[in-house]
Amino acid sequence: MQKIGIIGSGIVAKSLGNGFLKHGYEVMLSSHDISKLSEWKEKGGDFAHVGSFRDAAIFGDIVVLAVKGSVASGAIEEVGPQHLQGKTLIDTTNPIGDMPPENGVLQFFTSLEGSLMEELQERFPDIHFVKAFNSVGNAFMVNPSFKEKPTMFICGNNEGAKKTVQQILDLFGWEVEDMGKDTAARAIEPLCILWCIPGMLRNQWTHAFRLIKA
């Protein structure tokens, strides 16, 4: 089984880390202060590890980027992009700005003519970015219990990397829709805004998207 390195230590990082452990992967979470991950490591058992961002990048055959969108580029620079060269990187980030929501609508620091993932891919061309897990809450990322199987929209420029991520999503209980190249992140990232509106307005957070086909 491949090793998973997760750049990040927040709720998304822990939720995905637990999911990978559940399915038999060896996982490393990372933080500037690894002491705050001691409880996660203890609960995770022998396959759960902690380290620095760079440690996780080196450890992982597959790497997950699970930090705030505003610090995503800096986190990769801190890791050392050379440690991610040629690897599949699952990009969970969203370009959420610091401005408050407007009528429940989050504000992004990108425009519809570009996406955070495209910026990252352009800056780090040797990394195989695949956008995923950005448009659903952490409680439903792994084997969610909806009446119907939800859809995870992904995109990326490397076909092999997308197949790797699709295999993970199959394990995690998702139907996968490959939307093409990184340009599609211009549409996938704003799904985060749409997903959050019911929560912001009515405190409804227990939903996901599904693509229905004729």
Protein backbone atom coordinates (compact mmCIF):
# COMPACT_ATOMS: atom_id res chain seq x y z
CA MET A 1 0.00 0.00 0.00
CA GLN A 2 1.28 3.47 -0.88
CA LYS A 3 2.28 5.95 1.82
CA ILE A 4 0.34 9.20 2.21
CA GLY A 5 1.97 12.45 3.29
CA ILE A 6 -0.41 15.21 4.35
CA ILE A 7 0.77 18.81 4.40
CA GLY A 8 -1.37 20.23 7.17
CA SER A 9 -2.75 19.42 10.60
CA GLY A 10 -6.25 20.91 10.66
CA ILE A 11 -9.63 19.22 10.55
CA VAL A 12 -9.42 18.40 6.82
CA ALA A 13 -5.94 16.92 7.25
CA LYS A 14 -7.07 14.81 10.21
CA SER A 15 -10.30 13.67 8.53
CA LEU A 16 -8.48 12.54 5.41
CA GLY A 17 -5.66 11.08 7.48
CA ASN A 18 -8.16 8.98 9.41
CA GLY A 19 -9.75 7.91 6.15
CA PHE A 20 -6.47 6.73 4.72
CA LEU A 21 -5.67 4.86 7.95
CA LYS A 22 -9.11 3.23 7.80
CA HIS A 23 -8.31 1.88 4.35
CA GLY A 24 -4.91 0.52 5.32
CA TYR A 25 -2.57 3.29 4.19
CA GLU A 26 0.42 4.49 6.18
CA VAL A 27 -0.04 8.20 6.86
CA MET A 28 2.03 11.16 8.03
CA LEU A 29 0.38 14.40 9.15
CA SER A 30 2.53 17.50 9.46
CA SER A 31 2.69 20.73 11.42
CA HIS A 32 5.05 23.44 12.60
CA ASP A 33 4.19 22.16 16.08
CA ILE A 34 3.92 18.37 15.96
CA SER A 35 3.08 18.20 19.67
CA LYS A 36 -0.50 19.17 18.83
CA LEU A 37 -0.76 15.99 16.73
CA SER A 38 0.25 13.64 19.54
CA GLU A 39 -3.35 12.60 20.29
CA TRP A 40 -4.03 11.89 16.59
CA LYS A 41 -0.84 9.83 16.36
CA GLU A 42 -1.69 7.84 19.49
CA LYS A 43 -5.20 7.03 18.26
CA GLY A 44 -3.93 6.21 14.77
CA GLY A 45 -1.64 3.41 15.87
CA ASP A 46 1.47 2.06 14.19
CA PHE A 47 0.61 3.41 10.72
CA ALA A 48 0.13 7.01 11.93
CA HIS A 49 3.15 9.31 11.86
CA VAL A 50 3.80 13.02 12.37
CA GLY A 51 6.52 15.35 11.14
CA SER A 52 7.30 18.63 9.44
CA PHE A 53 5.79 19.68 6.12
CA ARG A 54 9.01 18.57 4.45
CA ASP A 55 8.97 15.24 6.29
CA ALA A 56 5.45 14.55 5.01
CA ALA A 57 6.34 15.48 1.45
CA ILE A 58 9.33 13.14 1.46
CA PHE A 59 7.37 10.38 3.23
CA GLY A 60 4.41 10.31 0.89
CA ASP A 61 4.20 8.40 -2.37
CA ILE A 62 1.03 10.49 -2.68
CA VAL A 63 0.79 13.88 -0.99
CA VAL A 64 -2.28 15.81 0.17
CA LEU A 65 -2.21 19.61 0.39
CA ALA A 66 -4.58 20.51 3.25
CA VAL A 67 -3.77 24.07 4.28
CA LYS A 68 -5.50 27.43 3.86
CA GLY A 69 -5.53 28.50 0.24
CA SER A 70 -3.78 31.74 1.10
CA VAL A 71 -0.70 29.87 2.36
CA ALA A 72 -0.70 26.98 -0.16
CA SER A 73 2.10 28.32 -2.31
CA GLY A 74 4.22 29.19 0.70
CA ALA A 75 3.72 25.73 2.17
CA ILE A 76 5.05 24.12 -1.00
CA GLU A 77 8.03 26.48 -1.02
CA GLU A 78 8.69 25.53 2.60
CA VAL A 79 8.54 21.84 1.71
CA GLY A 80 10.95 22.27 -1.15
CA PRO A 81 9.22 21.61 -4.49
CA GLN A 82 11.95 19.14 -5.43
CA HIS A 83 10.56 16.75 -2.82
CA LEU A 84 7.22 16.73 -4.65
CA GLN A 85 8.60 16.42 -8.16
CA GLY A 86 6.70 13.81 -10.18
CA LYS A 87 4.34 13.01 -7.29
CA THR A 88 0.56 13.08 -7.26
CA LEU A 89 -0.56 15.97 -5.05
CA ILE A 90 -4.21 16.05 -4.03
CA ASP A 91 -5.11 19.72 -3.82
CA THR A 92 -7.95 20.27 -1.33
CA THR A 93 -7.46 24.03 -1.09
CA ASN A 94 -9.85 26.87 -1.87
CA PRO A 95 -8.92 30.53 -2.47
CA ILE A 96 -11.07 31.87 0.36
CA GLY A 97 -10.29 35.50 1.09
CA ASP A 98 -10.21 37.29 4.43
CA MET A 99 -13.31 39.33 3.63
CA PRO A 100 -16.53 38.33 5.44
CA PRO A 101 -19.21 36.41 3.52
CA GLU A 102 -21.84 38.49 1.74
CA ASN A 103 -25.37 37.09 2.23
CA GLY A 104 -23.79 33.72 2.95
CA VAL A 105 -21.50 33.87 -0.07
CA LEU A 106 -17.80 33.40 0.59
CA GLN A 107 -15.43 35.75 -1.18
CA PHE A 108 -12.47 34.39 -3.15
CA PHE A 109 -9.15 36.10 -3.85
CA THR A 110 -9.20 34.68 -7.39
CA SER A 111 -11.47 35.52 -10.33
CA LEU A 112 -13.50 33.36 -12.70
CA GLU A 113 -10.68 33.79 -15.23
CA GLY A 114 -8.27 31.85 -13.05
CA SER A 115 -8.03 29.45 -10.12
CA LEU A 116 -5.71 28.80 -7.22
CA MET A 117 -4.86 25.37 -8.60
CA GLU A 118 -3.78 26.88 -11.92
CA GLU A 119 -1.54 29.30 -10.08
CA LEU A 120 0.04 26.46 -8.15
CA GLN A 121 0.46 24.27 -11.23
CA GLU A 122 2.09 27.10 -13.16
CA ARG A 123 4.45 27.92 -10.31
CA PHE A 124 5.34 24.27 -9.66
CA PRO A 125 5.12 22.56 -13.08
CA ASP A 126 6.84 19.33 -12.01
CA ILE A 127 4.15 18.47 -9.44
CA HIS A 128 1.06 16.55 -10.57
CA PHE A 129 -1.78 18.51 -8.97
CA VAL A 130 -5.25 16.98 -8.81
CA LYS A 131 -8.10 19.05 -7.37
CA ALA A 132 -10.37 17.05 -5.03
CA PHE A 133 -12.15 17.23 -1.65
CA ASN A 134 -12.61 21.01 -1.91
CA SER A 135 -16.42 21.10 -2.21
CA VAL A 136 -17.68 19.05 0.72
CA GLY A 137 -17.36 19.28 4.49
CA ASN A 138 -14.74 17.25 6.30
CA ALA A 139 -17.40 15.10 8.00
CA PHE A 140 -18.39 13.66 4.62
CA MET A 141 -15.03 13.25 2.88
CA VAL A 142 -14.63 9.56 3.68
CA ASN A 143 -17.41 7.02 2.99
CA PRO A 144 -20.29 9.46 3.50
CA SER A 145 -23.67 7.96 4.38
CA PHE A 146 -25.98 9.67 1.90
CA LYS A 147 -28.93 7.89 0.30
CA GLU A 148 -27.15 8.11 -3.05
CA LYS A 149 -23.45 8.10 -3.88
CA PRO A 150 -22.26 11.71 -4.15
CA THR A 151 -20.08 13.07 -6.94
CA MET A 152 -16.54 14.32 -6.50
CA PHE A 153 -15.41 16.62 -9.30
CA ILE A 154 -11.70 16.42 -10.04
CA CYS A 155 -9.31 17.96 -12.55
CA GLY A 156 -5.62 17.94 -13.35
CA ASN A 157 -3.14 17.84 -16.19
CA ASN A 158 -1.63 14.39 -15.55
CA GLU A 159 -3.83 11.41 -16.47
CA GLY A 160 -1.91 8.96 -14.30
CA ALA A 161 -2.26 11.19 -11.25
CA LYS A 162 -5.99 11.53 -11.81
CA LYS A 163 -6.36 7.75 -12.05
CA THR A 164 -4.51 7.42 -8.75
CA VAL A 165 -6.88 9.89 -7.11
CA GLN A 166 -9.90 8.19 -8.66
CA GLN A 167 -8.86 4.90 -7.05
CA ILE A 168 -8.71 6.64 -3.67
CA LEU A 169 -12.10 8.25 -4.20
CA ASP A 170 -13.58 4.88 -5.15
CA LEU A 171 -12.37 3.53 -1.79
CA PHE A 172 -13.75 6.59 -0.05
CA GLY A 173 -17.23 6.01 -1.47
CA TRP A 174 -17.42 8.64 -4.19
CA GLU A 175 -18.55 8.71 -7.79
CA VAL A 176 -15.84 10.54 -9.72
CA GLU A 177 -16.30 13.02 -12.54
CA ASP A 178 -13.07 13.99 -14.28
CA MET A 179 -13.58 17.51 -15.59
CA GLY A 180 -10.33 17.70 -17.54
CA LYS A 181 -7.30 19.96 -17.22
CA ASP A 182 -6.42 22.33 -14.40
CA THR A 183 -8.46 25.05 -16.12
CA ALA A 184 -11.57 23.28 -14.81
CA ALA A 185 -10.58 24.33 -11.30
CA ARG A 186 -12.09 27.69 -12.24
CA ALA A 187 -15.46 25.92 -11.95
CA ILE A 188 -14.65 23.32 -9.27
CA GLU A 189 -13.20 25.68 -6.68
CA PRO A 190 -16.34 27.90 -6.58
CA LEU A 191 -18.40 24.81 -5.72
CA CYS A 192 -17.03 25.46 -2.23
CA ILE A 193 -18.94 28.75 -2.22
CA LEU A 194 -22.16 27.03 -3.31
CA TRP A 195 -21.71 24.20 -0.78
CA CYS A 196 -21.26 26.69 2.07
CA ILE A 197 -24.30 28.91 1.37
CA PRO A 198 -26.91 26.66 3.11
CA GLY A 199 -24.58 26.42 6.09
CA MET A 200 -23.96 30.14 6.26
CA LEU A 201 -27.64 31.02 5.91
CA ARG A 202 -29.43 28.16 7.69
CA ASN A 203 -26.71 26.18 9.50
CA GLN A 204 -27.25 23.27 7.08
CA TRP A 205 -23.96 21.48 6.47
CA THR A 206 -25.04 17.87 5.78
CA HIS A 207 -25.12 17.77 1.99
CA ALA A 208 -23.01 17.02 -1.07
CA PHE A 209 -23.23 17.38 -4.84
CA ARG A 210 -24.36 14.70 -7.26
CA LEU A 211 -24.23 14.81 -11.06
CA ILE A 212 -27.35 13.18 -12.51
CA LYS A 213 -27.12 11.75 -16.01
CA ALA A 214 -29.88 10.86 -18.46
